[in-house]
N, C-alpha and C. Protein backbone atom coordinates (compact mmCIF):
# COMPACT_ATOMS: atom_id res chain seq x y z
N MET A 1 7.60 1.63 4.91
CA MET A 1 6.99 1.83 6.19
C MET A 1 5.61 1.19 6.17
N GLN A 2 5.38 0.20 6.97
CA GLN A 2 4.08 -0.49 7.00
C GLN A 2 3.17 0.22 7.99
N ASP A 3 1.97 0.53 7.54
CA ASP A 3 0.96 1.14 8.39
C ASP A 3 0.35 0.03 9.24
N SER A 4 0.19 0.24 10.53
CA SER A 4 -0.34 -0.81 11.40
C SER A 4 -1.86 -0.72 11.57
N ALA A 5 -2.50 0.20 10.85
CA ALA A 5 -3.96 0.32 10.96
C ALA A 5 -4.63 -0.94 10.44
N PRO A 6 -5.80 -1.29 11.00
CA PRO A 6 -6.51 -2.46 10.50
C PRO A 6 -6.99 -2.21 9.06
N TYR A 7 -7.36 -3.28 8.41
CA TYR A 7 -7.83 -3.14 7.04
C TYR A 7 -9.18 -2.43 7.01
N THR A 8 -9.34 -1.55 6.03
CA THR A 8 -10.62 -0.90 5.78
C THR A 8 -11.51 -1.86 5.01
N ALA A 9 -10.89 -2.68 4.15
CA ALA A 9 -11.61 -3.68 3.36
C ALA A 9 -10.64 -4.80 3.03
N ILE A 10 -11.19 -5.96 2.71
CA ILE A 10 -10.40 -7.07 2.18
C ILE A 10 -11.07 -7.47 0.87
N LEU A 11 -10.32 -7.33 -0.22
CA LEU A 11 -10.87 -7.57 -1.54
C LEU A 11 -10.43 -8.92 -2.09
N PRO A 12 -11.33 -9.62 -2.76
CA PRO A 12 -10.91 -10.85 -3.42
C PRO A 12 -9.98 -10.51 -4.58
N ALA A 13 -9.05 -11.40 -4.88
CA ALA A 13 -8.11 -11.22 -5.98
C ALA A 13 -7.88 -12.57 -6.64
N PRO A 14 -7.50 -12.58 -7.90
CA PRO A 14 -7.26 -13.84 -8.59
C PRO A 14 -6.19 -14.71 -7.94
N PHE A 15 -5.34 -14.11 -7.12
CA PHE A 15 -4.23 -14.81 -6.48
C PHE A 15 -4.41 -14.92 -4.97
N GLY A 16 -5.56 -14.58 -4.45
CA GLY A 16 -5.80 -14.61 -3.00
C GLY A 16 -6.70 -13.47 -2.61
N ALA A 17 -6.16 -12.52 -1.87
CA ALA A 17 -6.95 -11.36 -1.44
C ALA A 17 -6.01 -10.18 -1.22
N LEU A 18 -6.60 -9.00 -1.16
CA LEU A 18 -5.84 -7.77 -0.88
C LEU A 18 -6.44 -7.08 0.33
N GLY A 19 -5.61 -6.81 1.33
CA GLY A 19 -6.02 -6.00 2.46
C GLY A 19 -5.83 -4.54 2.09
N VAL A 20 -6.84 -3.72 2.30
CA VAL A 20 -6.84 -2.31 1.91
C VAL A 20 -6.80 -1.45 3.17
N ARG A 21 -5.84 -0.53 3.20
CA ARG A 21 -5.76 0.43 4.31
C ARG A 21 -5.98 1.84 3.76
N ILE A 22 -6.88 2.54 4.40
CA ILE A 22 -7.20 3.91 4.00
C ILE A 22 -7.08 4.78 5.24
N ALA A 23 -6.47 5.95 5.05
CA ALA A 23 -6.36 6.92 6.13
C ALA A 23 -6.49 8.32 5.52
N ASP A 24 -7.20 9.17 6.20
CA ASP A 24 -7.38 10.56 5.77
C ASP A 24 -7.87 10.64 4.33
N GLY A 25 -8.75 9.71 3.93
CA GLY A 25 -9.34 9.75 2.61
C GLY A 25 -8.42 9.34 1.48
N LYS A 26 -7.30 8.69 1.82
CA LYS A 26 -6.34 8.27 0.79
C LYS A 26 -5.95 6.82 0.99
N LEU A 27 -5.63 6.16 -0.12
CA LEU A 27 -5.14 4.79 -0.06
C LEU A 27 -3.73 4.81 0.49
N ARG A 28 -3.53 4.12 1.60
CA ARG A 28 -2.24 4.13 2.26
C ARG A 28 -1.55 2.77 2.20
N GLY A 29 -2.31 1.70 2.02
CA GLY A 29 -1.66 0.40 1.98
C GLY A 29 -2.51 -0.66 1.28
N LEU A 30 -1.82 -1.55 0.57
CA LEU A 30 -2.40 -2.77 0.00
C LEU A 30 -1.48 -3.90 0.43
N GLU A 31 -2.06 -4.95 0.95
CA GLU A 31 -1.25 -6.07 1.41
C GLU A 31 -1.79 -7.36 0.83
N PHE A 32 -0.89 -8.18 0.28
CA PHE A 32 -1.29 -9.48 -0.25
C PHE A 32 -1.65 -10.41 0.89
N LEU A 33 -2.82 -11.02 0.79
CA LEU A 33 -3.30 -11.96 1.79
C LEU A 33 -3.48 -13.32 1.10
N PRO A 34 -3.31 -14.40 1.83
CA PRO A 34 -3.31 -15.72 1.20
C PRO A 34 -4.68 -16.15 0.68
N PRO A 35 -4.67 -17.08 -0.28
CA PRO A 35 -5.94 -17.66 -0.74
C PRO A 35 -6.73 -18.19 0.46
N GLY A 36 -8.03 -18.06 0.39
CA GLY A 36 -8.88 -18.50 1.49
C GLY A 36 -9.21 -17.39 2.46
N THR A 37 -8.52 -16.24 2.36
CA THR A 37 -8.85 -15.11 3.22
C THR A 37 -10.25 -14.61 2.83
N ARG A 38 -11.09 -14.43 3.81
CA ARG A 38 -12.47 -14.00 3.54
C ARG A 38 -12.52 -12.52 3.21
N PRO A 39 -13.20 -12.17 2.11
CA PRO A 39 -13.38 -10.75 1.78
C PRO A 39 -14.15 -10.02 2.89
N MET A 40 -13.89 -8.73 2.98
CA MET A 40 -14.59 -7.88 3.93
C MET A 40 -14.98 -6.61 3.19
N ALA A 41 -16.26 -6.46 2.93
CA ALA A 41 -16.75 -5.29 2.21
C ALA A 41 -16.64 -4.05 3.08
N SER A 42 -16.64 -2.91 2.44
CA SER A 42 -16.58 -1.64 3.16
C SER A 42 -17.49 -0.64 2.47
N GLU A 43 -18.11 0.20 3.25
CA GLU A 43 -18.92 1.29 2.70
C GLU A 43 -18.07 2.55 2.48
N HIS A 44 -16.81 2.49 2.86
CA HIS A 44 -15.95 3.66 2.68
C HIS A 44 -15.85 3.96 1.19
N PRO A 45 -16.08 5.21 0.78
CA PRO A 45 -16.09 5.51 -0.66
C PRO A 45 -14.75 5.23 -1.35
N ILE A 46 -13.63 5.43 -0.66
CA ILE A 46 -12.33 5.15 -1.29
C ILE A 46 -12.14 3.64 -1.40
N ALA A 47 -12.56 2.89 -0.40
CA ALA A 47 -12.45 1.43 -0.49
C ALA A 47 -13.28 0.90 -1.66
N ARG A 48 -14.45 1.47 -1.87
CA ARG A 48 -15.26 1.06 -3.02
C ARG A 48 -14.57 1.41 -4.33
N ARG A 49 -13.94 2.59 -4.38
CA ARG A 49 -13.19 2.96 -5.60
C ARG A 49 -12.03 2.02 -5.83
N VAL A 50 -11.32 1.65 -4.76
CA VAL A 50 -10.21 0.70 -4.89
C VAL A 50 -10.73 -0.62 -5.45
N ALA A 51 -11.85 -1.11 -4.92
CA ALA A 51 -12.43 -2.36 -5.41
C ALA A 51 -12.78 -2.25 -6.89
N GLU A 52 -13.39 -1.16 -7.30
CA GLU A 52 -13.75 -0.96 -8.71
C GLU A 52 -12.51 -0.89 -9.59
N GLU A 53 -11.50 -0.19 -9.14
CA GLU A 53 -10.27 -0.04 -9.93
C GLU A 53 -9.51 -1.37 -10.03
N MET A 54 -9.50 -2.14 -8.95
CA MET A 54 -8.83 -3.45 -9.01
C MET A 54 -9.57 -4.36 -9.98
N GLU A 55 -10.89 -4.37 -9.95
CA GLU A 55 -11.66 -5.19 -10.90
C GLU A 55 -11.38 -4.74 -12.33
N ALA A 56 -11.27 -3.44 -12.55
CA ALA A 56 -10.95 -2.93 -13.89
C ALA A 56 -9.57 -3.42 -14.33
N TYR A 57 -8.60 -3.44 -13.41
CA TYR A 57 -7.26 -3.93 -13.73
C TYR A 57 -7.29 -5.42 -14.04
N TYR A 58 -8.02 -6.20 -13.26
CA TYR A 58 -8.09 -7.65 -13.53
C TYR A 58 -8.72 -7.92 -14.89
N ALA A 59 -9.65 -7.06 -15.33
CA ALA A 59 -10.28 -7.21 -16.64
C ALA A 59 -9.41 -6.68 -17.76
N ASP A 60 -8.59 -5.67 -17.47
CA ASP A 60 -7.76 -5.02 -18.48
C ASP A 60 -6.42 -4.66 -17.87
N PRO A 61 -5.36 -5.42 -18.20
CA PRO A 61 -4.05 -5.15 -17.59
C PRO A 61 -3.47 -3.78 -17.91
N GLY A 62 -4.03 -3.10 -18.90
CA GLY A 62 -3.56 -1.75 -19.22
C GLY A 62 -4.30 -0.66 -18.47
N HIS A 63 -5.21 -1.05 -17.58
CA HIS A 63 -5.99 -0.07 -16.82
C HIS A 63 -5.07 0.85 -16.02
N ALA A 64 -5.30 2.14 -16.13
CA ALA A 64 -4.55 3.13 -15.35
C ALA A 64 -5.35 3.47 -14.09
N PHE A 65 -4.70 3.37 -12.95
CA PHE A 65 -5.36 3.65 -11.68
C PHE A 65 -5.51 5.15 -11.46
N HIS A 66 -6.64 5.54 -10.93
CA HIS A 66 -6.90 6.94 -10.57
C HIS A 66 -7.45 6.95 -9.16
N LEU A 67 -6.54 6.86 -8.22
CA LEU A 67 -6.92 6.79 -6.81
C LEU A 67 -6.12 7.82 -6.01
N PRO A 68 -6.67 8.34 -4.93
CA PRO A 68 -5.89 9.22 -4.06
C PRO A 68 -4.91 8.37 -3.24
N LEU A 69 -3.63 8.58 -3.45
CA LEU A 69 -2.60 7.76 -2.82
C LEU A 69 -1.85 8.54 -1.75
N GLU A 70 -1.45 7.83 -0.71
CA GLU A 70 -0.57 8.41 0.31
C GLU A 70 0.33 7.30 0.86
N PRO A 71 1.29 6.85 0.04
CA PRO A 71 2.24 5.86 0.55
C PRO A 71 3.21 6.53 1.51
N LEU A 72 3.41 5.93 2.67
CA LEU A 72 4.31 6.50 3.66
C LEU A 72 5.71 5.95 3.45
N GLY A 73 6.69 6.83 3.35
CA GLY A 73 8.07 6.39 3.18
C GLY A 73 9.02 7.57 3.16
N THR A 74 10.30 7.25 3.19
CA THR A 74 11.35 8.26 3.17
C THR A 74 11.34 8.98 1.82
N PRO A 75 12.00 10.13 1.73
CA PRO A 75 12.08 10.82 0.44
C PRO A 75 12.69 9.92 -0.66
N PHE A 76 13.71 9.12 -0.32
CA PHE A 76 14.29 8.23 -1.32
C PHE A 76 13.27 7.21 -1.79
N ARG A 77 12.56 6.59 -0.86
CA ARG A 77 11.54 5.61 -1.26
C ARG A 77 10.48 6.27 -2.13
N GLN A 78 10.08 7.48 -1.78
CA GLN A 78 9.09 8.19 -2.60
C GLN A 78 9.61 8.38 -4.03
N ARG A 79 10.88 8.70 -4.17
CA ARG A 79 11.47 8.87 -5.51
C ARG A 79 11.43 7.56 -6.28
N VAL A 80 11.76 6.46 -5.62
CA VAL A 80 11.72 5.14 -6.27
C VAL A 80 10.29 4.82 -6.67
N TRP A 81 9.35 5.00 -5.76
CA TRP A 81 7.96 4.66 -6.08
C TRP A 81 7.42 5.52 -7.22
N ASN A 82 7.84 6.79 -7.29
CA ASN A 82 7.44 7.63 -8.42
C ASN A 82 8.03 7.09 -9.73
N ALA A 83 9.25 6.57 -9.67
CA ALA A 83 9.85 5.97 -10.87
C ALA A 83 9.06 4.74 -11.30
N LEU A 84 8.55 3.96 -10.34
CA LEU A 84 7.75 2.79 -10.68
C LEU A 84 6.45 3.19 -11.38
N LEU A 85 5.87 4.29 -10.94
CA LEU A 85 4.64 4.77 -11.56
C LEU A 85 4.83 5.14 -13.03
N ALA A 86 6.06 5.40 -13.42
CA ALA A 86 6.35 5.76 -14.81
C ALA A 86 6.55 4.55 -15.72
N ILE A 87 6.56 3.34 -15.16
CA ILE A 87 6.71 2.12 -15.98
C ILE A 87 5.34 1.76 -16.54
N PRO A 88 5.19 1.82 -17.86
CA PRO A 88 3.87 1.51 -18.44
C PRO A 88 3.50 0.04 -18.29
N ALA A 89 2.22 -0.22 -18.24
CA ALA A 89 1.74 -1.60 -18.25
C ALA A 89 2.27 -2.27 -19.51
N GLY A 90 2.66 -3.53 -19.36
CA GLY A 90 3.19 -4.26 -20.50
C GLY A 90 4.68 -4.10 -20.70
N GLN A 91 5.34 -3.38 -19.78
CA GLN A 91 6.78 -3.19 -19.85
C GLN A 91 7.41 -3.48 -18.49
N THR A 92 8.71 -3.72 -18.50
CA THR A 92 9.45 -3.93 -17.25
C THR A 92 10.70 -3.06 -17.28
N ARG A 93 11.30 -2.89 -16.11
CA ARG A 93 12.59 -2.22 -15.97
C ARG A 93 13.39 -3.03 -14.96
N SER A 94 14.70 -2.97 -15.09
CA SER A 94 15.55 -3.65 -14.11
C SER A 94 15.80 -2.73 -12.92
N TYR A 95 16.20 -3.36 -11.82
CA TYR A 95 16.59 -2.58 -10.64
C TYR A 95 17.72 -1.62 -11.00
N GLY A 96 18.68 -2.12 -11.80
CA GLY A 96 19.81 -1.30 -12.22
C GLY A 96 19.39 -0.12 -13.07
N TYR A 97 18.43 -0.31 -13.96
CA TYR A 97 17.93 0.77 -14.80
C TYR A 97 17.37 1.89 -13.93
N ILE A 98 16.54 1.51 -12.96
CA ILE A 98 15.94 2.52 -12.08
C ILE A 98 17.02 3.19 -11.24
N ALA A 99 18.00 2.40 -10.78
CA ALA A 99 19.09 2.97 -9.99
C ALA A 99 19.85 4.01 -10.80
N ARG A 100 20.16 3.69 -12.03
CA ARG A 100 20.87 4.67 -12.89
C ARG A 100 20.03 5.92 -13.10
N GLU A 101 18.74 5.72 -13.32
CA GLU A 101 17.82 6.85 -13.52
C GLU A 101 17.80 7.78 -12.31
N LEU A 102 17.94 7.19 -11.12
CA LEU A 102 17.87 7.97 -9.88
C LEU A 102 19.23 8.33 -9.31
N GLY A 103 20.31 7.84 -9.95
CA GLY A 103 21.65 8.09 -9.42
C GLY A 103 21.89 7.36 -8.10
N SER A 104 21.42 6.12 -8.01
CA SER A 104 21.51 5.35 -6.78
C SER A 104 22.10 3.98 -7.08
N ALA A 105 22.09 3.13 -6.07
CA ALA A 105 22.59 1.76 -6.20
C ALA A 105 21.41 0.79 -6.38
N PRO A 106 21.59 -0.25 -7.20
CA PRO A 106 20.50 -1.22 -7.40
C PRO A 106 19.99 -1.85 -6.11
N ARG A 107 20.88 -2.13 -5.18
CA ARG A 107 20.43 -2.75 -3.91
C ARG A 107 19.52 -1.81 -3.14
N ALA A 108 19.83 -0.52 -3.11
CA ALA A 108 18.98 0.45 -2.41
C ALA A 108 17.63 0.56 -3.11
N VAL A 109 17.65 0.54 -4.43
CA VAL A 109 16.40 0.57 -5.18
C VAL A 109 15.58 -0.69 -4.87
N GLY A 110 16.25 -1.84 -4.85
CA GLY A 110 15.56 -3.09 -4.54
C GLY A 110 14.89 -3.06 -3.17
N GLN A 111 15.57 -2.49 -2.21
CA GLN A 111 14.99 -2.38 -0.86
C GLN A 111 13.74 -1.50 -0.90
N ALA A 112 13.83 -0.36 -1.59
CA ALA A 112 12.69 0.55 -1.67
C ALA A 112 11.54 -0.07 -2.45
N VAL A 113 11.86 -0.80 -3.52
CA VAL A 113 10.82 -1.49 -4.29
C VAL A 113 10.11 -2.51 -3.39
N GLY A 114 10.88 -3.27 -2.62
CA GLY A 114 10.31 -4.25 -1.71
C GLY A 114 9.47 -3.64 -0.61
N ASP A 115 9.74 -2.39 -0.27
CA ASP A 115 9.00 -1.69 0.78
C ASP A 115 7.75 -0.97 0.27
N ASN A 116 7.47 -1.10 -1.02
CA ASN A 116 6.32 -0.44 -1.62
C ASN A 116 5.04 -0.83 -0.88
N PRO A 117 4.34 0.15 -0.29
CA PRO A 117 3.12 -0.18 0.46
C PRO A 117 1.87 -0.30 -0.42
N LEU A 118 2.00 -0.02 -1.73
CA LEU A 118 0.84 -0.05 -2.62
C LEU A 118 1.12 -0.90 -3.86
N PRO A 119 1.46 -2.19 -3.66
CA PRO A 119 1.75 -3.01 -4.83
C PRO A 119 0.54 -3.06 -5.78
N ILE A 120 0.83 -3.29 -7.00
CA ILE A 120 -0.09 -3.27 -8.15
C ILE A 120 -0.37 -1.83 -8.55
N VAL A 121 -0.88 -1.01 -7.64
CA VAL A 121 -1.17 0.39 -7.97
C VAL A 121 0.14 1.13 -8.25
N ILE A 122 1.13 0.97 -7.40
CA ILE A 122 2.50 1.40 -7.70
C ILE A 122 3.18 0.10 -8.15
N PRO A 123 3.39 -0.05 -9.46
CA PRO A 123 3.67 -1.37 -10.04
C PRO A 123 5.08 -1.92 -9.83
N CYS A 124 5.36 -2.30 -8.60
CA CYS A 124 6.67 -2.88 -8.27
C CYS A 124 6.89 -4.22 -8.96
N HIS A 125 5.81 -4.89 -9.36
CA HIS A 125 5.95 -6.17 -10.06
C HIS A 125 6.60 -6.01 -11.42
N ARG A 126 6.67 -4.80 -11.94
CA ARG A 126 7.28 -4.54 -13.25
C ARG A 126 8.79 -4.38 -13.17
N VAL A 127 9.35 -4.52 -11.98
CA VAL A 127 10.80 -4.42 -11.81
C VAL A 127 11.37 -5.83 -11.73
N ILE A 128 12.34 -6.10 -12.62
CA ILE A 128 12.92 -7.44 -12.72
C ILE A 128 14.44 -7.37 -12.58
N ALA A 129 15.05 -8.52 -12.50
CA ALA A 129 16.50 -8.61 -12.39
C ALA A 129 17.15 -8.25 -13.72
N ALA A 130 18.41 -7.85 -13.67
CA ALA A 130 19.15 -7.45 -14.88
C ALA A 130 19.24 -8.59 -15.89
N ASP A 131 19.24 -9.83 -15.42
CA ASP A 131 19.35 -10.98 -16.34
C ASP A 131 18.01 -11.39 -16.93
N GLY A 132 16.95 -10.62 -16.66
CA GLY A 132 15.64 -10.94 -17.17
C GLY A 132 14.83 -11.84 -16.27
N GLY A 133 15.42 -12.32 -15.18
CA GLY A 133 14.68 -13.14 -14.22
C GLY A 133 13.73 -12.29 -13.40
N LEU A 134 12.91 -12.95 -12.63
CA LEU A 134 11.90 -12.23 -11.85
C LEU A 134 12.48 -11.26 -10.83
N GLY A 135 13.59 -11.61 -10.21
CA GLY A 135 14.06 -10.80 -9.08
C GLY A 135 13.16 -11.06 -7.89
N GLY A 136 13.25 -10.23 -6.89
CA GLY A 136 12.43 -10.40 -5.70
C GLY A 136 11.06 -9.78 -5.86
N PHE A 137 10.23 -10.04 -4.87
CA PHE A 137 8.90 -9.43 -4.83
C PHE A 137 8.42 -9.49 -3.40
N ASN A 138 8.06 -8.34 -2.88
CA ASN A 138 7.54 -8.27 -1.51
C ASN A 138 8.58 -8.85 -0.53
N HIS A 139 9.85 -8.56 -0.79
CA HIS A 139 10.99 -9.03 0.01
C HIS A 139 11.13 -10.55 0.02
N SER A 140 10.72 -11.19 -1.07
CA SER A 140 10.84 -12.64 -1.15
C SER A 140 11.29 -13.05 -2.55
N ARG A 141 12.03 -14.13 -2.62
CA ARG A 141 12.45 -14.67 -3.91
C ARG A 141 11.82 -16.04 -4.19
N THR A 142 10.95 -16.48 -3.29
CA THR A 142 10.32 -17.79 -3.44
C THR A 142 8.87 -17.72 -2.97
N GLY A 143 8.14 -18.78 -3.23
CA GLY A 143 6.83 -18.98 -2.64
C GLY A 143 5.72 -18.10 -3.17
N TYR A 144 4.78 -17.83 -2.29
CA TYR A 144 3.54 -17.14 -2.64
C TYR A 144 3.79 -15.78 -3.28
N SER A 145 4.74 -15.01 -2.76
CA SER A 145 5.03 -13.69 -3.34
C SER A 145 5.46 -13.82 -4.79
N GLN A 146 6.33 -14.78 -5.08
CA GLN A 146 6.77 -14.98 -6.46
C GLN A 146 5.62 -15.44 -7.35
N ASP A 147 4.73 -16.25 -6.81
CA ASP A 147 3.55 -16.68 -7.57
C ASP A 147 2.70 -15.48 -7.96
N ILE A 148 2.55 -14.53 -7.05
CA ILE A 148 1.78 -13.32 -7.35
C ILE A 148 2.48 -12.51 -8.44
N LYS A 149 3.80 -12.34 -8.32
CA LYS A 149 4.53 -11.57 -9.33
C LYS A 149 4.39 -12.24 -10.70
N ARG A 150 4.51 -13.57 -10.75
CA ARG A 150 4.32 -14.28 -12.03
C ARG A 150 2.93 -14.03 -12.58
N TRP A 151 1.91 -14.11 -11.70
CA TRP A 151 0.54 -13.90 -12.16
C TRP A 151 0.40 -12.50 -12.76
N LEU A 152 0.91 -11.48 -12.05
CA LEU A 152 0.79 -10.09 -12.52
C LEU A 152 1.51 -9.89 -13.85
N LEU A 153 2.71 -10.43 -13.99
CA LEU A 153 3.45 -10.26 -15.24
C LEU A 153 2.81 -11.05 -16.38
N ARG A 154 2.29 -12.21 -16.09
CA ARG A 154 1.55 -12.96 -17.14
C ARG A 154 0.29 -12.19 -17.54
N HIS A 155 -0.40 -11.65 -16.55
CA HIS A 155 -1.61 -10.86 -16.81
C HIS A 155 -1.29 -9.69 -17.73
N GLU A 156 -0.13 -9.09 -17.55
CA GLU A 156 0.28 -7.95 -18.39
C GLU A 156 1.04 -8.39 -19.64
N HIS A 157 1.16 -9.70 -19.85
CA HIS A 157 1.80 -10.27 -21.04
C HIS A 157 3.27 -9.90 -21.16
N VAL A 158 3.97 -9.83 -20.03
CA VAL A 158 5.40 -9.48 -20.07
C VAL A 158 6.27 -10.40 -19.22
N LEU A 159 5.78 -11.58 -18.88
CA LEU A 159 6.59 -12.47 -18.06
C LEU A 159 7.88 -12.79 -18.79
N PRO A 160 9.04 -12.50 -18.17
CA PRO A 160 10.31 -12.84 -18.83
C PRO A 160 10.37 -14.33 -19.15
N MET A 161 10.89 -14.64 -20.31
CA MET A 161 10.92 -16.02 -20.79
C MET A 161 11.66 -16.96 -19.85
N ASN A 162 12.73 -16.50 -19.20
CA ASN A 162 13.50 -17.39 -18.34
C ASN A 162 12.98 -17.42 -16.90
N ALA A 163 11.80 -16.88 -16.67
CA ALA A 163 11.19 -16.91 -15.33
C ALA A 163 10.11 -17.98 -15.31
N ALA A 164 10.47 -19.12 -14.83
CA ALA A 164 9.53 -20.27 -14.83
C ALA A 164 8.33 -20.02 -13.96
């Protein structure tokens, strides 16, 4: 479920920028924005915490996020996103693995992973295809989204070998 609220802040990122949405004092959305997007600072205390935590992650791929989160989604999506939070930095899981863990189908898990409103913080980039390939990212299998997934997995030193 995508929140239609305007961005509270736009943060620079090594791969472009991140649009930050905050509501009721909680992080509700992060959206990948293309390179060249101008940053937009915010005095909101949660936006500042998000900026600090993202910088900590860029400096240390093992950084654990400690932010107040409120991703909006169905109970099933919430279960999938909670499963993603259990994937440690430096590791990956397949869509099928998560599906088996939740007693669901890989395609349904893939849809929920693609609908993740808090990428990076809820580490959907750590979910890969059963054959070790990248799989999708942000509902895309090509282009800018895949470039971001490659960057994140390289940053965490876990890029699958057969993912060019």
